[in-house]
Protein backbone atom coordinates (compact mmCIF):
# COMPACT_ATOMS: atom_id res chain seq x y z
CA MET A 1 -3.19 10.20 -23.09
CA GLY A 2 -2.72 6.74 -21.68
CA LEU A 3 0.60 7.55 -20.95
CA ILE A 4 -0.37 10.07 -17.78
CA ARG A 5 -1.99 7.14 -15.82
CA GLY A 6 0.25 4.85 -14.29
CA ALA A 7 4.05 5.46 -13.31
CA MET A 8 3.55 5.79 -9.67
CA MET A 9 1.81 2.55 -9.85
CA VAL A 10 4.88 1.05 -10.72
CA LEU A 11 6.77 1.96 -7.56
CA VAL A 12 3.73 0.75 -4.83
CA LEU A 13 2.90 -2.82 -5.72
CA VAL A 14 3.08 -5.59 -3.61
CA VAL A 15 3.92 -8.72 -1.88
CA TRP A 16 3.64 -10.44 1.36
CA ALA A 17 5.27 -13.06 3.35
CA THR A 18 5.86 -14.46 6.99
CA GLN A 19 9.00 -14.34 6.75
CA ALA A 20 10.46 -10.52 6.66
CA MET A 21 14.00 -8.98 6.45
CA ALA A 22 14.79 -6.05 8.87
CA GLU A 23 12.23 -3.14 8.89
CA PRO A 24 13.68 0.01 6.94
CA LYS A 25 14.39 3.10 8.66
CA VAL A 26 11.82 5.67 8.79
CA PRO A 27 11.53 8.54 7.59
CA GLU A 28 12.73 7.68 3.85
CA LYS A 29 11.81 9.71 0.80
CA LEU A 30 12.19 8.60 -2.97
CA VAL A 31 12.28 10.62 -5.64
CA TYR A 32 11.92 9.88 -9.26
CA ASP A 33 11.84 10.97 -12.86
CA LEU A 34 9.24 9.89 -15.26
CA SER A 35 9.78 9.54 -18.87
CA TRP A 36 7.83 8.30 -22.07
CA THR A 37 9.36 6.78 -24.53
CA GLY A 38 12.70 8.24 -23.51
CA ILE A 39 10.69 12.12 -23.04
CA SER A 40 10.65 13.32 -19.62
CA VAL A 41 7.01 14.13 -18.87
CA GLY A 42 7.40 14.50 -14.94
CA THR A 43 8.27 13.73 -11.71
CA ALA A 44 7.26 11.59 -8.87
CA SER A 45 7.95 10.98 -4.96
CA GLN A 46 7.13 8.74 -2.23
CA GLU A 47 7.89 9.25 1.17
CA ILE A 48 7.22 7.51 4.71
CA THR A 49 7.46 9.19 8.23
CA GLU A 50 5.86 8.30 11.57
CA ASP A 51 4.59 10.33 14.67
CA GLY A 52 4.06 8.17 17.49
CA ALA A 53 2.13 4.97 16.73
CA THR A 54 1.10 6.28 13.39
CA ARG A 55 3.05 5.77 9.91
CA LYS A 56 2.15 7.95 6.56
CA ILE A 57 2.86 7.33 3.19
CA VAL A 58 2.67 9.87 0.48
CA SER A 59 3.07 9.40 -2.90
CA MET A 60 3.02 12.23 -5.30
CA ALA A 61 3.37 12.97 -9.06
CA ARG A 62 3.35 15.90 -11.02
CA SER A 63 3.79 16.79 -14.81
CA ASN A 64 6.36 19.36 -16.06
CA ASP A 65 6.01 22.60 -17.95
CA TRP A 66 5.94 20.85 -21.35
CA LEU A 67 3.14 18.09 -20.79
CA SER A 68 1.33 20.82 -18.21
CA THR A 69 0.67 23.03 -21.20
CA PHE A 70 -2.09 20.34 -22.66
CA PHE A 71 -2.43 18.21 -20.43
CA PRO A 72 -1.48 19.03 -16.40
CA VAL A 73 -1.27 16.12 -13.94
CA GLU A 74 -1.28 16.91 -9.84
CA ASP A 75 -2.00 13.86 -8.07
CA ARG A 76 -1.38 13.04 -4.13
CA ILE A 77 -2.30 9.66 -2.50
CA GLU A 78 -1.88 9.31 1.13
CA SER A 79 -2.33 6.15 3.25
CA SER A 80 -2.14 5.88 7.23
CA TYR A 81 -1.18 2.64 9.55
CA ASP A 82 -1.14 1.74 12.94
CA SER A 83 2.96 1.05 13.51
CA SER A 84 1.93 -0.55 16.85
CA ARG A 85 0.12 -3.62 15.21
CA GLY A 86 0.61 -6.03 12.50
CA ASN A 87 3.78 -6.07 10.05
CA PHE A 88 5.91 -3.19 8.53
CA PRO A 89 4.26 -0.43 7.86
CA GLY A 90 1.42 -1.63 10.31
CA LEU A 91 -2.15 -2.05 10.13
CA ALA A 92 -3.98 -0.16 7.18
CA ARG A 93 -5.85 2.48 8.67
CA HIS A 94 -7.12 5.24 5.96
CA TYR A 95 -6.28 5.52 2.19
CA ARG A 96 -6.89 8.64 0.25
CA LEU A 97 -6.70 9.42 -3.60
CA LYS A 98 -6.86 12.90 -4.84
CA THR A 99 -6.01 13.38 -8.83
CA ARG A 100 -6.26 15.96 -11.24
CA GLU A 101 -5.45 14.51 -15.02
CA GLY A 102 -6.28 16.86 -17.33
CA SER A 103 -9.76 18.05 -17.03
CA ARG A 104 -10.46 14.63 -14.97
CA ARG A 105 -10.63 14.79 -11.12
CA ARG A 106 -10.87 12.09 -8.67
CA ASP A 107 -11.31 12.18 -4.97
CA ARG A 108 -11.63 8.81 -3.09
CA GLU A 109 -11.11 7.30 0.51
CA ILE A 110 -11.05 4.06 2.06
CA PHE A 111 -11.52 3.56 5.83
CA PHE A 112 -10.29 0.27 7.04
CA GLU A 113 -11.82 -1.06 9.93
CA GLN A 114 -10.04 -4.37 10.51
CA GLU A 115 -11.38 -5.29 13.77
CA ARG A 116 -14.64 -5.74 12.01
CA GLY A 117 -13.50 -7.19 8.64
CA VAL A 118 -14.81 -4.21 6.78
CA ALA A 119 -13.38 -1.38 4.71
CA ARG A 120 -15.60 1.56 4.01
CA TYR A 121 -15.20 3.11 0.18
CA ARG A 122 -16.12 6.72 -0.45
CA ASP A 123 -15.91 8.43 -3.56
CA ASN A 124 -16.08 12.42 -2.73
CA THR A 125 -16.56 13.25 -6.20
CA ASN A 126 -19.72 11.41 -7.00
CA GLY A 127 -20.83 10.02 -3.40
CA ASP A 128 -20.54 6.64 -4.51
CA LYS A 129 -20.42 4.45 -1.55
CA ALA A 130 -19.57 0.73 -0.70
CA ASP A 131 -18.87 -1.29 2.46
CA ILE A 132 -16.40 -4.02 1.55
CA ALA A 133 -15.73 -7.35 3.36
CA ILE A 134 -11.77 -7.98 3.92
CA PRO A 135 -9.63 -10.51 5.57
CA MET A 136 -7.72 -9.14 8.47
CA ASP A 137 -4.74 -7.29 7.67
CA THR A 138 -5.66 -6.19 4.22
CA ILE A 139 -3.87 -3.43 3.02
CA ASP A 140 -3.96 -0.67 0.47
CA VAL A 141 -1.67 -0.72 -2.60
CA TYR A 142 0.60 1.79 -1.58
CA GLY A 143 1.42 0.38 1.85
CA SER A 144 2.04 -3.17 0.25
CA PHE A 145 4.80 -1.46 -1.77
CA TYR A 146 6.78 -1.75 1.26
CA TYR A 147 6.54 -5.24 1.93
CA ILE A 148 8.33 -6.50 -0.86
CA ARG A 149 11.33 -4.71 -0.01
CA TYR A 150 12.09 -6.49 3.11
CA LEU A 151 11.31 -10.10 2.11
CA PRO A 152 13.73 -13.03 1.17
CA LEU A 153 12.90 -12.87 -2.49
CA GLU A 154 13.86 -16.06 -4.59
CA VAL A 155 13.81 -16.01 -8.51
CA GLY A 156 11.24 -18.44 -9.65
CA LYS A 157 8.66 -17.88 -6.56
CA SER A 158 5.61 -15.93 -6.17
CA PRO A 159 4.56 -14.79 -3.24
CA THR A 160 0.88 -13.11 -2.40
CA VAL A 161 -0.92 -10.62 -0.47
CA ASN A 162 -4.20 -9.44 0.14
CA ILE A 163 -4.52 -6.14 -0.92
CA LEU A 164 -8.06 -3.49 -1.42
CA ASP A 165 -7.79 -2.11 -5.14
CA SER A 166 -10.45 0.48 -5.33
CA LYS A 167 -13.51 -1.78 -4.31
CA ARG A 168 -12.25 -4.59 -5.09
CA GLN A 169 -10.33 -7.00 -2.78
CA ARG A 170 -8.19 -9.85 -3.76
CA ARG A 171 -4.87 -11.72 -3.39
CA ILE A 172 -2.40 -10.98 -5.90
CA ALA A 173 0.89 -12.48 -6.72
CA VAL A 174 4.35 -11.09 -7.44
CA ARG A 175 6.83 -12.98 -9.72
CA VAL A 176 10.40 -12.61 -8.66
CA LEU A 177 11.92 -13.01 -12.58
CA ARG A 178 15.65 -12.87 -12.44
CA LYS A 179 18.44 -10.47 -11.11
CA GLU A 180 19.96 -7.98 -13.13
CA ARG A 181 23.20 -5.36 -13.15
CA ILE A 182 22.15 -1.67 -13.96
CA LYS A 183 23.67 1.50 -13.87
CA THR A 184 21.78 3.97 -11.29
CA VAL A 185 22.13 7.22 -9.31
CA LEU A 186 23.60 5.00 -6.77
CA GLY A 187 26.26 3.63 -9.01
CA GLU A 188 26.44 0.18 -10.50
CA VAL A 189 24.47 -2.13 -8.78
CA ASP A 190 22.83 -5.58 -8.49
CA THR A 191 19.08 -5.64 -8.80
CA ILE A 192 16.14 -8.25 -8.24
CA VAL A 193 13.59 -8.02 -10.98
CA ILE A 194 10.02 -8.67 -9.89
CA GLN A 195 6.61 -8.33 -11.80
CA PRO A 196 3.36 -7.44 -9.75
CA MET A 197 0.39 -9.22 -11.28
CA VAL A 198 -2.14 -6.42 -10.89
CA ALA A 199 -2.81 -2.98 -12.66
CA SER A 200 -4.48 -0.40 -10.44
CA GLU A 201 -5.68 3.32 -10.53
CA GLY A 202 -3.73 5.95 -9.47
CA VAL A 203 -1.37 8.28 -10.91
CA PHE A 204 0.06 7.51 -14.64
CA GLU A 205 -2.05 4.40 -14.85
CA GLY A 206 -0.31 1.63 -16.37
CA LYS A 207 -2.29 -0.74 -18.99
CA GLY A 208 0.11 -3.67 -19.10
CA THR A 209 3.30 -5.43 -17.67
CA VAL A 210 5.10 -3.66 -14.79
CA HIS A 211 8.69 -4.13 -13.80
CA ILE A 212 10.40 -3.19 -10.49
CA TRP A 213 14.31 -3.46 -10.17
CA LEU A 214 15.24 -3.53 -6.41
CA THR A 215 18.87 -3.12 -5.41
CA ASP A 216 19.80 -6.76 -4.33
CA ASP A 217 21.05 -5.79 -0.98
CA GLU A 218 19.34 -5.21 2.65
CA ARG A 219 18.43 -1.99 1.35
CA ARG A 220 16.08 -3.03 -1.36
CA ILE A 221 15.86 0.40 -2.93
CA PRO A 222 13.45 0.55 -6.07
CA VAL A 223 15.66 2.23 -8.56
CA ARG A 224 13.72 1.86 -11.77
CA ALA A 225 10.06 1.10 -13.03
CA ARG A 226 8.50 0.48 -16.16
CA THR A 227 4.99 -0.06 -17.16
CA LYS A 228 3.19 -0.10 -20.65
CA VAL A 229 0.72 2.37 -21.53
CA THR A 230 -1.99 2.49 -24.27
CA VAL A 231 1.11 4.14 -26.53
CA GLY A 232 4.74 3.07 -25.31
CA SER A 233 5.81 2.64 -22.08
CA VAL A 234 6.63 5.03 -18.93
CA THR A 235 9.83 4.50 -16.92
CA ALA A 236 10.08 5.98 -13.48
CA THR A 237 14.14 6.38 -12.62
CA LEU A 238 15.48 7.19 -9.22
CA VAL A 239 16.79 10.49 -9.02
CA GLU A 240 17.45 10.72 -5.31
CA TRP A 241 17.52 8.62 -2.15
CA ILE A 242 16.94 10.06 1.40
CA PRO A 243 17.30 7.45 3.72
CA GLY A 244 16.12 7.72 7.44
CA LYS A 245 18.71 8.36 10.19
């Protein structure tokens, strides 16, 4: 069931640049319908909140009743950041992925020790451990999602970012492909279409090309995302946007 591993991935990928647009208002919540070749298979959400100097991003996905009868999915990914340091959403401090996909369960954590240039990876299921050297300001895949929304994106350009993808540290690029006008829950809007050059673990993991549609305005709302899977493709369609006040 390759379709069950990647749609949240299309919501969380990633870019870095030195010049950024205005920071978003927090809290914010995004809610998506997940469909596989036109068939609804579940829902996903991503929410950012803050408490003092700590920002938190929580991403969740759940299969619907139809899919849950033979392949239940219940995934939660949580990241936290020091909002007083670094660029939005802040300096990465902790990441945890906890998933149930059919009979498969995963529980992994990363503790970022930015000052030491080290990230401590821990698998709470099998006991696997690793200490990984990282450049300063390396961020997890889910937090890096927020960078791209507030950059001066230009068609034909490919900004890059340092990310820690499971146990692999690397610098990835995001292609800015084109502009396109589409119908959404927000009405008909102009969008910027991007292609992150990475595939990662997580909810509904993709097996190939990922495209994300961002509104071409100061809000940069991700209204649609699509990824290829083993058979067909999974699309995440925005059904609710709850902005900060």
